[in-house]
Structures are given as structure tokens and as C-alpha cells.
Amino acid sequence: MSEIEDDGGPPAVRARGVSVTRGEAEVLHGIDLDVTRGSVVGLLGPSGSGKTTLLRSIVGVQEHVTGTLEVLGRPAGAPSLRRRVGYATQAASVYEDLTVEENLRYFARLLGADAAAVARTLDRVGLAGERGRLVRTLSGGQRGRVSLGVALVGSPDLLVLDEPTVGLDPVLREELWGLFGSLADGGTTLLVSSHVMDEAMRCDRLLLLRSGRLLRECTPAELLAETGAADAEQAFLTLIERTTAEGRVAS
């Protein structure tokens, strides 16, 4: 985990009463949260809980969002945030007919980053040795790292990552989380979604989402203490059981 320093400025992300509708269905329900700058924040929950929808809302590409949602002190999706927010989707958003390095150079030009930033990013994501390979020849995990590199190359203040460790072996997962920690130590804020509960313990704070509702905003230690569980997965299950029981009593 990173050493968090609060500079007294606005949080990296501030949400108040954020809801999202899709057709006639509401898929996010009145989300309130704050993401502290320079921290690694885990957005955790089972598949279908609304994690991707929330991340898309924060980045500013989600439609039908209501409520107040601010990113780095500006409305989510504001043009001034384009170079300050990096976003890596679940599916690698890169050009398969270009090489690894060509992809990074292309996006670096769009973001005003130089050749040194490209070289540094290739090293950071462990792809310096693959720089000349066409993306279509890479494994799924390698493509994911190219996508991460694209999100990183502009040195964003906020890095939003949607399930970045899916398809990675344990060694690469460990390396990636090490990178996240070093980025946060350097002042970058990371919002990382996952459905792998053991990754929760690597975060500074947790946002626990289920069925489009935020169950808890807490630290890993607070989650374990509140539930009395030995690990994050059991803690999350315990929290769901308690929340369900409370809902039955309330009804």
C-alpha cells in the first residue's frame, strides 16, 4: 500500500447521489464516495455489480448519469481532464496492426508526451523486449499491458483501470500491483476494479459494490475488523449476508 498524502485540495473523485439508468432500469443507485489523491483504491464486487458502469461514469463516457460527479475538481468528462485521466478498459483498446511501440507513440503524440515517456512506459509495463511485435501476435495478458501502457504514457493524475489483472499469471499480477504502489507513491491516484477479493488487501481503501449499490467505503483493515473475517473474500460475503438481513428487517 502507498503512503497517502492529503494536499488539502479536492479529492481525485467526488460522487454525490450518482445514478445511472439503462433503458428503464437503474443500474447505479445513488452512489456517494470520495477517492483520496495519491492512493490505490479498489473497486470490488461480483460480475454485474456495476463496476464498469461506475468507472465509465467517472471517466465521462457513460450516458444517462445523474447526480454530482467531479474528477480532480472538474465535472467528469470535462475537456480539461483529457490529459489528466488515463483509462484502461477490460478489452485492450489498442491497434492490433501496429507494434507495441507504435501504439504507445501514437497515443503519446495525442497526449503531448515525448519519446522518453514512451521508453519509460515500456519499461514500467514490462514490454521493452516486445516493443517491435505486432499487437495481434501478443497473448491476452500482454495486450492488456499494452492497454495499460497507453493509459500510462501521458503521466495522468488519475489512472482508472477496469479489471487489469484478468488473464495474468500470479507473477505478472504481483509485478503489476508493485507498479500500482510505486505510481501512487509518486502521486498518481489509481482506481482499480476487480472481482478477485484477495486483491483488496493491496489497496489503501476499498469501495465495495453490489447490485449497483455501494455497500462500504473503508480500508482493508476496517473491513476485516467489522466482519471478523480472516480474509477479504469471507469479509465481503459476510457483509452481503448482513446487508441482506438488514434489508429484510427494514422491509
Protein backbone atom coordinates (compact mmCIF):
# COMPACT_ATOMS: atom_id res chain seq x y z
CA MET A 1 0.00 0.00 0.00
CA SER A 2 1.08 3.58 -0.61
CA GLU A 3 1.85 6.43 1.75
CA ILE A 4 -1.12 8.75 1.28
CA GLU A 5 -0.55 12.48 1.47
CA ASP A 6 -3.57 14.80 1.52
CA ASP A 7 -2.60 18.14 -0.03
CA GLY A 8 -5.83 19.79 1.09
CA GLY A 9 -7.16 20.01 -2.47
CA PRO A 10 -10.33 18.41 -3.81
CA PRO A 11 -10.45 14.61 -3.86
CA ALA A 12 -9.48 12.82 -7.05
CA VAL A 13 -13.09 11.70 -7.38
CA ARG A 14 -16.16 13.01 -5.58
CA ALA A 15 -19.59 11.49 -6.18
CA ARG A 16 -22.86 12.54 -4.59
CA GLY A 17 -26.12 10.84 -5.46
CA VAL A 18 -24.77 9.40 -8.69
CA SER A 19 -27.24 7.16 -10.51
CA VAL A 20 -27.18 5.64 -13.99
CA THR A 21 -30.13 4.38 -16.00
CA ARG A 22 -30.06 1.97 -18.91
CA GLY A 23 -33.38 1.95 -20.70
CA GLU A 24 -35.96 1.87 -17.93
CA ALA A 25 -33.65 0.16 -15.45
CA GLU A 26 -31.50 1.97 -12.90
CA VAL A 27 -28.11 0.23 -12.77
CA LEU A 28 -26.35 2.51 -10.27
CA HIS A 29 -28.30 3.76 -7.28
CA GLY A 30 -27.34 7.00 -5.52
CA ILE A 31 -23.58 6.44 -5.19
CA ASP A 32 -21.72 8.68 -2.69
CA LEU A 33 -17.94 8.35 -2.49
CA ASP A 34 -14.62 10.17 -2.25
CA VAL A 35 -11.30 8.98 -3.66
CA THR A 36 -8.25 10.49 -1.93
CA ARG A 37 -5.43 11.68 -4.17
CA GLY A 38 -2.25 9.62 -4.29
CA SER A 39 -3.97 6.41 -3.17
CA VAL A 40 -4.72 2.99 -4.60
CA VAL A 41 -8.47 2.45 -4.32
CA GLY A 42 -10.01 -0.91 -5.09
CA LEU A 43 -13.49 -1.08 -6.59
CA LEU A 44 -14.58 -4.59 -5.74
CA GLY A 45 -17.68 -6.61 -6.38
CA PRO A 46 -19.03 -9.60 -8.30
CA SER A 47 -19.59 -9.53 -12.05
CA GLY A 48 -22.65 -7.44 -12.89
CA SER A 49 -22.40 -5.29 -9.78
CA GLY A 50 -21.93 -2.06 -11.76
CA LYS A 51 -18.16 -1.62 -11.51
CA THR A 52 -17.60 -0.87 -15.20
CA THR A 53 -20.59 1.47 -15.32
CA LEU A 54 -19.22 3.44 -12.38
CA LEU A 55 -15.75 3.65 -13.93
CA ARG A 56 -17.20 4.79 -17.27
CA SER A 57 -19.16 7.46 -15.40
CA ILE A 58 -16.00 8.71 -13.69
CA VAL A 59 -14.09 8.84 -16.97
CA GLY A 60 -17.01 10.69 -18.57
CA VAL A 61 -18.06 8.27 -21.30
CA GLN A 62 -21.19 6.82 -19.67
CA GLU A 63 -24.60 8.09 -20.77
CA HIS A 64 -27.63 8.86 -18.59
CA VAL A 65 -25.71 9.81 -15.44
CA THR A 66 -27.43 11.94 -12.80
CA GLY A 67 -26.13 13.41 -9.56
CA THR A 68 -22.86 15.23 -8.91
CA LEU A 69 -19.64 13.64 -10.16
CA GLU A 70 -16.37 15.57 -10.01
CA VAL A 71 -12.92 14.39 -11.10
CA LEU A 72 -9.85 16.34 -9.98
CA GLY A 73 -12.14 19.22 -9.10
CA ARG A 74 -13.84 19.34 -12.52
CA PRO A 75 -17.09 17.81 -13.83
CA ALA A 76 -16.49 14.24 -15.02
CA GLY A 77 -15.74 14.19 -18.74
CA ALA A 78 -14.66 17.85 -18.91
CA PRO A 79 -12.30 18.53 -21.86
CA SER A 80 -9.62 19.79 -19.46
CA LEU A 81 -9.40 16.28 -17.96
CA ARG A 82 -8.44 14.59 -21.22
CA ARG A 83 -4.72 14.53 -20.46
CA ARG A 84 -5.13 14.15 -16.70
CA VAL A 85 -7.14 10.90 -16.65
CA GLY A 86 -5.87 7.59 -18.03
CA TYR A 87 -8.36 4.77 -18.67
CA ALA A 88 -7.70 1.11 -19.45
CA THR A 89 -10.81 -0.91 -20.31
CA GLN A 90 -11.31 -4.65 -19.80
CA ALA A 91 -10.83 -5.25 -23.53
CA ALA A 92 -7.46 -3.93 -24.70
CA SER A 93 -8.17 -0.68 -26.57
CA VAL A 94 -5.17 -0.72 -28.90
CA TYR A 95 -4.45 -1.12 -32.62
CA GLU A 96 -3.68 -4.74 -33.45
CA ASP A 97 -1.99 -3.93 -36.78
CA LEU A 98 0.59 -1.69 -35.06
CA THR A 99 3.55 -2.75 -32.95
CA VAL A 100 3.63 -2.26 -29.20
CA GLU A 101 5.90 0.77 -29.54
CA GLU A 102 3.89 2.26 -32.41
CA ASN A 103 0.75 2.12 -30.28
CA LEU A 104 2.43 3.97 -27.45
CA ARG A 105 3.99 6.52 -29.78
CA TYR A 106 0.64 7.21 -31.41
CA PHE A 107 -1.16 7.83 -28.13
CA ALA A 108 1.81 9.75 -26.74
CA ARG A 109 1.51 12.21 -29.62
CA LEU A 110 -2.20 12.68 -28.90
CA LEU A 111 -1.39 13.42 -25.26
CA GLY A 112 1.65 15.59 -25.86
CA ALA A 113 4.10 13.08 -24.35
CA ASP A 114 7.64 12.66 -25.69
CA ALA A 115 9.80 9.69 -26.75
CA ALA A 116 11.27 9.44 -23.25
CA ALA A 117 7.77 8.88 -21.86
CA VAL A 118 7.24 6.04 -24.35
CA ALA A 119 10.52 4.35 -23.37
CA ARG A 120 9.79 4.78 -19.67
CA THR A 121 6.30 3.35 -20.06
CA LEU A 122 7.54 0.31 -22.00
CA ASP A 123 9.85 -0.46 -19.09
CA ARG A 124 7.14 0.11 -16.49
CA VAL A 125 4.71 -2.34 -18.07
CA GLY A 126 7.42 -4.91 -18.83
CA LEU A 127 7.16 -4.72 -22.61
CA ALA A 128 10.50 -3.18 -23.59
CA GLY A 129 11.56 -6.53 -25.02
CA GLU A 130 8.36 -6.79 -27.07
CA ARG A 131 8.35 -3.25 -28.46
CA GLY A 132 8.69 -4.37 -32.10
CA ARG A 133 5.98 -7.04 -32.05
CA LEU A 134 2.59 -6.53 -33.66
CA VAL A 135 -0.11 -6.40 -31.02
CA ARG A 136 -2.12 -9.11 -32.78
CA THR A 137 0.72 -11.59 -32.10
CA LEU A 138 0.67 -10.98 -28.33
CA SER A 139 -1.02 -13.03 -25.63
CA GLY A 140 -4.12 -11.68 -23.91
CA GLY A 141 -2.12 -10.66 -20.85
CA GLN A 142 0.44 -8.83 -22.98
CA ARG A 143 -2.29 -6.97 -24.85
CA GLY A 144 -3.68 -5.89 -21.51
CA ARG A 145 -0.29 -4.47 -20.58
CA VAL A 146 -0.15 -2.55 -23.87
CA SER A 147 -3.52 -1.05 -22.98
CA LEU A 148 -2.18 -0.17 -19.54
CA GLY A 149 0.84 1.44 -21.19
CA VAL A 150 -1.44 3.56 -23.37
CA ALA A 151 -3.26 4.75 -20.25
CA LEU A 152 0.06 5.50 -18.51
CA VAL A 153 2.07 7.16 -21.26
CA GLY A 154 0.60 10.62 -20.68
CA SER A 155 1.53 10.54 -16.95
CA PRO A 156 -2.08 11.04 -15.80
CA ASP A 157 -3.03 12.32 -12.35
CA LEU A 158 -5.81 9.70 -12.16
CA LEU A 159 -5.48 6.20 -13.59
CA VAL A 160 -8.74 4.23 -13.96
CA LEU A 161 -8.22 0.52 -14.56
CA ASP A 162 -11.05 -1.93 -15.26
CA GLU A 163 -10.01 -5.43 -14.13
CA PRO A 164 -6.36 -5.01 -15.24
CA THR A 165 -5.18 -8.34 -13.78
CA VAL A 166 -7.66 -10.59 -15.60
CA GLY A 167 -5.79 -13.29 -17.52
CA LEU A 168 -2.45 -12.63 -15.84
CA ASP A 169 -0.44 -15.31 -14.08
CA PRO A 170 0.43 -14.79 -10.37
CA VAL A 171 3.92 -13.45 -11.13
CA LEU A 172 2.63 -10.78 -13.51
CA ARG A 173 -0.17 -9.87 -11.11
CA GLU A 174 2.41 -9.35 -8.38
CA GLU A 175 4.53 -7.16 -10.67
CA LEU A 176 1.52 -5.12 -11.71
CA TRP A 177 0.44 -4.42 -8.14
CA GLY A 178 4.00 -3.41 -7.35
CA LEU A 179 3.77 -0.91 -10.20
CA PHE A 180 0.47 0.43 -8.87
CA GLY A 181 2.05 1.05 -5.48
CA SER A 182 5.04 2.87 -6.94
CA LEU A 183 2.77 5.05 -9.09
CA ALA A 184 0.72 6.01 -6.05
CA ASP A 185 3.89 6.78 -4.10
CA GLY A 186 4.74 9.19 -6.93
CA GLY A 187 1.41 11.00 -6.54
CA THR A 188 -0.79 9.22 -9.08
CA THR A 189 -4.26 8.20 -7.92
CA LEU A 190 -5.36 4.72 -9.02
CA LEU A 191 -8.91 3.40 -9.11
CA VAL A 192 -8.71 -0.32 -9.84
CA SER A 193 -11.71 -2.60 -10.29
CA SER A 194 -11.56 -6.31 -9.60
CA HIS A 195 -13.75 -9.26 -8.70
CA VAL A 196 -10.73 -11.04 -7.16
CA MET A 197 -11.18 -10.38 -3.47
CA ASP A 198 -7.61 -11.16 -2.39
CA GLU A 199 -6.51 -8.08 -4.35
CA ALA A 200 -8.42 -5.97 -1.83
CA MET A 201 -5.61 -6.26 0.70
CA ARG A 202 -3.24 -4.47 -1.68
CA CYS A 203 -5.36 -1.31 -1.72
CA ASP A 204 -5.32 1.73 0.53
CA ARG A 205 -9.11 1.95 0.52
CA LEU A 206 -11.97 -0.16 -0.78
CA LEU A 207 -15.25 0.58 -2.48
CA LEU A 208 -17.47 -2.48 -2.18
CA LEU A 209 -20.22 -2.60 -4.79
CA ARG A 210 -23.14 -4.98 -5.19
CA SER A 211 -26.21 -4.71 -7.43
CA GLY A 212 -25.38 -1.11 -8.26
CA ARG A 213 -25.18 -0.01 -4.63
CA LEU A 214 -22.13 0.97 -2.60
CA LEU A 215 -22.08 -1.30 0.44
CA ARG A 216 -18.99 0.12 2.13
CA GLU A 217 -16.17 2.62 1.69
CA CYS A 218 -13.39 1.56 4.07
CA THR A 219 -9.82 0.33 4.48
CA PRO A 220 -8.98 -3.38 4.22
CA ALA A 221 -8.24 -3.45 7.95
CA GLU A 222 -11.61 -1.86 8.75
CA LEU A 223 -13.40 -4.43 6.57
CA LEU A 224 -11.77 -7.35 8.38
CA ALA A 225 -12.37 -5.80 11.80
CA GLU A 226 -16.03 -5.06 11.08
CA THR A 227 -16.81 -8.57 9.84
CA GLY A 228 -14.39 -10.59 11.98
CA ALA A 229 -13.34 -12.46 8.84
CA ALA A 230 -9.88 -13.85 8.17
CA ASP A 231 -9.70 -12.74 4.54
CA ALA A 232 -11.29 -10.26 2.14
CA GLU A 233 -13.46 -12.80 0.32
CA GLN A 234 -15.08 -14.06 3.51
CA ALA A 235 -15.43 -10.48 4.74
CA PHE A 236 -17.29 -9.48 1.58
CA LEU A 237 -19.62 -12.48 1.84
CA THR A 238 -20.30 -11.68 5.49
CA LEU A 239 -21.06 -8.08 4.59
CA ILE A 240 -23.50 -9.18 1.89
CA GLU A 241 -25.27 -11.51 4.33
CA ARG A 242 -25.59 -8.74 6.91
CA THR A 243 -26.83 -6.23 4.37
CA THR A 244 -29.39 -8.69 3.04
CA ALA A 245 -30.60 -9.46 6.56
CA GLU A 246 -30.87 -5.76 7.40
CA GLY A 247 -32.89 -5.21 4.24
CA ARG A 248 -35.33 -7.95 5.24
CA VAL A 249 -35.76 -6.44 8.70
CA ALA A 250 -36.27 -2.96 7.24
CA SER A 251 -38.94 -4.26 4.86
